[in-house]
Amino acid sequence: MFLKTRLYFSAVVTLGILSLLLWNHFNGGVPSHHILAREDLPEISNWWGAILLPLLTWFLTYQVEKRLTKQNKGKSRMKAIPKSVTVGFFMALLFGITLSSFFSLGNTEVPGYMLMAVLGISLFLPIYRAECLLGFVIGMTYTFGAVLPTGIGSILALIGAVIYLGVRPVIWFVVSKARNLAG
C-alpha cells in the first residue's frame, strides 16, 4: 500500500515541479536565487528542482515508510497513513507557504521570527521528521525553488532533532527532579 502511495505522491510532485518550471520558462524565464540573498554568493537556478524535488520526495517518503514499519514492529502492511504523518506534513506545508508569502510580500522580519519560532516549537513537536521536511520544502518551492528550502529545511531539521531528542529530555529530567524535591 505504501509503495503505491509513494509512487503516486512522487509522480504528483514531479508533475507539479515540471509544470511550475515550464510555466516559469514560458512566462519570463525560470528564476535563480543567490544563496542567502547575497549578490556576491553563487546563484542557483530553479531548474535544479526538477531533479531534486522528485528525488527528495521519493527518499523522504521512504524514510516515513521505514519509521512506520519500525514502529509497527516490522509489519509494513498499513491500512492508512497515520494521522500524525498527514498532520505533520500539512502543518509544515502551511508553515512554508506562510513564510514564503511574507517574504514575497516584502515583509522580511516575520520570516526571521518564524524561523526562530521553530526552535521553540521543536521542544514540543518532532519537526525533524521526514514528512515535516518534505512539507516545508514543497511549501517554499514556488517562491524559492527547491534547492534553498532543502538546505534551510535540512538545517532546521537537524537543529530540531538536537532540541527534541537531546535538550527536551534533559529539561523533562530536571523538571521531574524539581517536582520530586518539591513534593
Protein backbone atom coordinates (compact mmCIF):
# COMPACT_ATOMS: atom_id res chain seq x y z
CA MET A 1 0.00 0.00 0.00
CA PHE A 2 2.71 2.45 0.97
CA LEU A 3 4.73 1.81 -2.21
CA LYS A 4 1.74 2.85 -4.33
CA THR A 5 1.24 5.94 -2.19
CA ARG A 6 4.92 6.83 -2.54
CA LEU A 7 4.76 6.36 -6.31
CA TYR A 8 1.61 8.46 -6.70
CA PHE A 9 2.85 11.20 -4.40
CA SER A 10 6.25 11.33 -6.12
CA ALA A 11 4.52 11.47 -9.50
CA VAL A 12 2.27 14.33 -8.39
CA VAL A 13 5.24 16.27 -7.01
CA THR A 14 7.22 15.62 -10.21
CA LEU A 15 4.34 16.82 -12.39
CA GLY A 16 3.89 19.82 -10.13
CA ILE A 17 7.51 20.98 -10.26
CA LEU A 18 7.77 20.35 -14.01
CA SER A 19 4.56 22.32 -14.59
CA LEU A 20 5.85 25.18 -12.46
CA LEU A 21 9.20 25.24 -14.25
CA LEU A 22 7.59 25.13 -17.71
CA TRP A 23 5.17 27.89 -16.76
CA ASN A 24 8.11 29.97 -15.49
CA HIS A 25 10.08 29.23 -18.65
CA PHE A 26 7.33 30.48 -20.95
CA ASN A 27 6.38 33.44 -18.73
CA GLY A 28 9.56 35.40 -18.23
CA GLY A 29 12.10 32.67 -17.54
CA VAL A 30 12.98 30.33 -14.72
CA PRO A 31 14.25 32.35 -11.76
CA SER A 32 17.55 31.83 -10.00
CA HIS A 33 18.31 32.71 -6.39
CA HIS A 34 21.52 33.79 -4.72
CA ILE A 35 22.48 31.87 -1.60
CA LEU A 36 21.44 33.88 1.47
CA ALA A 37 20.09 36.54 -0.96
CA ARG A 38 23.60 37.95 -1.33
CA GLU A 39 24.75 39.01 -4.77
CA ASP A 40 28.36 38.01 -4.04
CA LEU A 41 27.36 34.36 -3.44
CA PRO A 42 26.58 31.84 -6.21
CA GLU A 43 23.24 31.78 -7.97
CA ILE A 44 21.17 28.58 -8.06
CA SER A 45 18.65 28.02 -10.85
CA ASN A 46 15.21 26.68 -10.03
CA TRP A 47 15.76 24.12 -12.82
CA TRP A 48 17.63 22.02 -10.24
CA GLY A 49 14.26 21.44 -8.59
CA ALA A 50 13.26 19.18 -11.49
CA ILE A 51 15.86 16.69 -10.24
CA LEU A 52 15.97 17.46 -6.53
CA LEU A 53 12.29 17.57 -5.61
CA PRO A 54 11.24 14.18 -7.07
CA LEU A 55 14.32 12.50 -5.55
CA LEU A 56 13.76 14.22 -2.22
CA THR A 57 10.10 13.18 -2.24
CA TRP A 58 10.97 9.57 -3.01
CA PHE A 59 13.70 9.47 -0.34
CA LEU A 60 11.69 11.19 2.40
CA THR A 61 8.56 9.11 1.81
CA TYR A 62 10.80 6.05 2.06
CA GLN A 63 12.08 7.37 5.40
CA VAL A 64 8.49 7.78 6.60
CA GLU A 65 7.68 4.23 5.50
CA LYS A 66 10.79 2.89 7.23
CA ARG A 67 9.94 4.69 10.50
CA LEU A 68 6.33 3.48 10.44
CA THR A 69 7.39 -0.09 9.69
CA LYS A 70 9.80 0.04 12.63
CA GLN A 71 7.07 1.45 14.89
CA ASN A 72 4.74 -1.37 13.80
CA LYS A 73 7.39 -3.96 14.71
CA GLY A 74 8.23 -4.90 11.14
CA LYS A 75 4.69 -5.07 9.80
CA SER A 76 4.75 -3.00 6.62
CA ARG A 77 1.06 -3.57 5.92
CA MET A 78 -0.86 -0.48 6.97
CA LYS A 79 -4.43 0.27 6.05
CA ALA A 80 -3.91 4.03 6.10
CA ILE A 81 -1.19 6.56 6.67
CA PRO A 82 -1.29 7.63 10.33
CA LYS A 83 -2.88 10.97 11.10
CA SER A 84 0.32 12.21 12.75
CA VAL A 85 2.20 11.90 9.43
CA THR A 86 -0.51 13.71 7.49
CA VAL A 87 -0.82 16.47 10.10
CA GLY A 88 2.97 16.91 10.28
CA PHE A 89 3.21 17.20 6.51
CA PHE A 90 0.36 19.69 6.14
CA MET A 91 1.43 21.84 9.10
CA ALA A 92 4.95 22.11 7.67
CA LEU A 93 3.47 22.80 4.22
CA LEU A 94 1.37 25.61 5.70
CA PHE A 95 4.40 26.95 7.58
CA GLY A 96 6.48 27.00 4.38
CA ILE A 97 3.70 28.68 2.39
CA THR A 98 3.20 31.30 5.11
CA LEU A 99 6.91 32.04 5.39
CA SER A 100 7.21 32.34 1.60
CA SER A 101 4.15 34.58 1.41
CA PHE A 102 5.50 37.02 3.96
CA PHE A 103 8.84 37.11 2.15
CA SER A 104 7.16 37.64 -1.24
CA LEU A 105 5.07 40.48 0.13
CA GLY A 106 8.24 42.28 1.21
CA ASN A 107 7.97 41.60 4.92
CA THR A 108 11.38 40.15 5.76
CA GLU A 109 11.03 40.41 9.56
CA VAL A 110 8.21 37.90 10.02
CA PRO A 111 10.04 35.03 8.24
CA GLY A 112 13.01 35.59 10.56
CA TYR A 113 10.74 35.38 13.59
CA MET A 114 9.04 32.31 12.16
CA LEU A 115 12.38 30.53 11.76
CA MET A 116 13.28 31.39 15.36
CA ALA A 117 9.87 30.12 16.50
CA VAL A 118 10.77 26.74 15.00
CA LEU A 119 13.35 26.36 17.77
CA GLY A 120 10.65 26.75 20.41
CA ILE A 121 8.22 24.53 18.53
CA SER A 122 10.85 21.80 18.33
CA LEU A 123 10.77 21.49 22.13
CA PHE A 124 7.22 20.15 21.84
CA LEU A 125 6.92 18.64 18.36
CA PRO A 126 9.22 16.37 16.31
CA ILE A 127 9.79 18.82 13.45
CA TYR A 128 12.83 16.86 12.32
CA ARG A 129 10.74 14.08 10.80
CA ALA A 130 10.79 13.42 7.07
CA GLU A 131 7.19 14.43 6.45
CA CYS A 132 7.80 17.83 8.06
CA LEU A 133 10.90 18.48 5.97
CA LEU A 134 9.04 17.48 2.79
CA GLY A 135 6.07 19.70 3.60
CA PHE A 136 8.36 22.65 4.37
CA VAL A 137 10.31 22.25 1.12
CA ILE A 138 7.20 21.84 -1.05
CA GLY A 139 5.59 24.85 0.66
CA MET A 140 8.54 27.08 -0.19
CA THR A 141 9.30 25.73 -3.68
CA TYR A 142 7.06 28.13 -5.60
CA THR A 143 8.86 31.15 -4.15
CA PHE A 144 12.43 29.93 -3.68
CA GLY A 145 12.81 26.86 -5.88
CA ALA A 146 13.64 23.50 -4.30
CA VAL A 147 17.36 23.80 -3.53
CA LEU A 148 17.39 26.63 -0.97
CA PRO A 149 14.39 25.33 1.04
CA THR A 150 16.01 21.86 1.09
CA GLY A 151 19.19 23.32 2.57
CA ILE A 152 17.38 25.54 5.08
CA GLY A 153 14.91 22.78 5.96
CA SER A 154 17.73 20.27 6.49
CA ILE A 155 19.48 22.63 8.89
CA LEU A 156 16.23 23.29 10.75
CA ALA A 157 15.51 19.55 10.90
CA LEU A 158 18.97 18.89 12.33
CA ILE A 159 18.58 21.62 14.95
CA GLY A 160 15.05 20.38 15.69
CA ALA A 161 16.35 16.83 16.21
CA VAL A 162 19.02 18.04 18.63
CA ILE A 163 16.44 20.03 20.60
CA TYR A 164 13.69 17.38 20.58
CA LEU A 165 15.91 14.34 21.18
CA GLY A 166 18.66 15.95 23.26
CA VAL A 167 17.59 19.14 25.02
CA ARG A 168 13.96 18.20 25.65
CA PRO A 169 14.73 15.03 27.67
CA VAL A 170 17.20 16.99 29.80
CA ILE A 171 14.55 19.63 30.52
CA TRP A 172 11.98 16.94 31.38
CA PHE A 173 14.51 15.25 33.66
CA VAL A 174 15.28 18.49 35.51
CA VAL A 175 11.59 19.35 35.82
CA SER A 176 10.72 15.88 37.17
CA LYS A 177 13.57 16.06 39.70
CA ALA A 178 12.43 19.52 40.80
CA ARG A 179 8.86 18.24 41.23
CA ASN A 180 10.10 15.26 43.27
CA LEU A 181 12.14 17.54 45.52
CA ALA A 182 9.23 19.99 45.93
CA GLY A 183 6.61 17.34 46.53
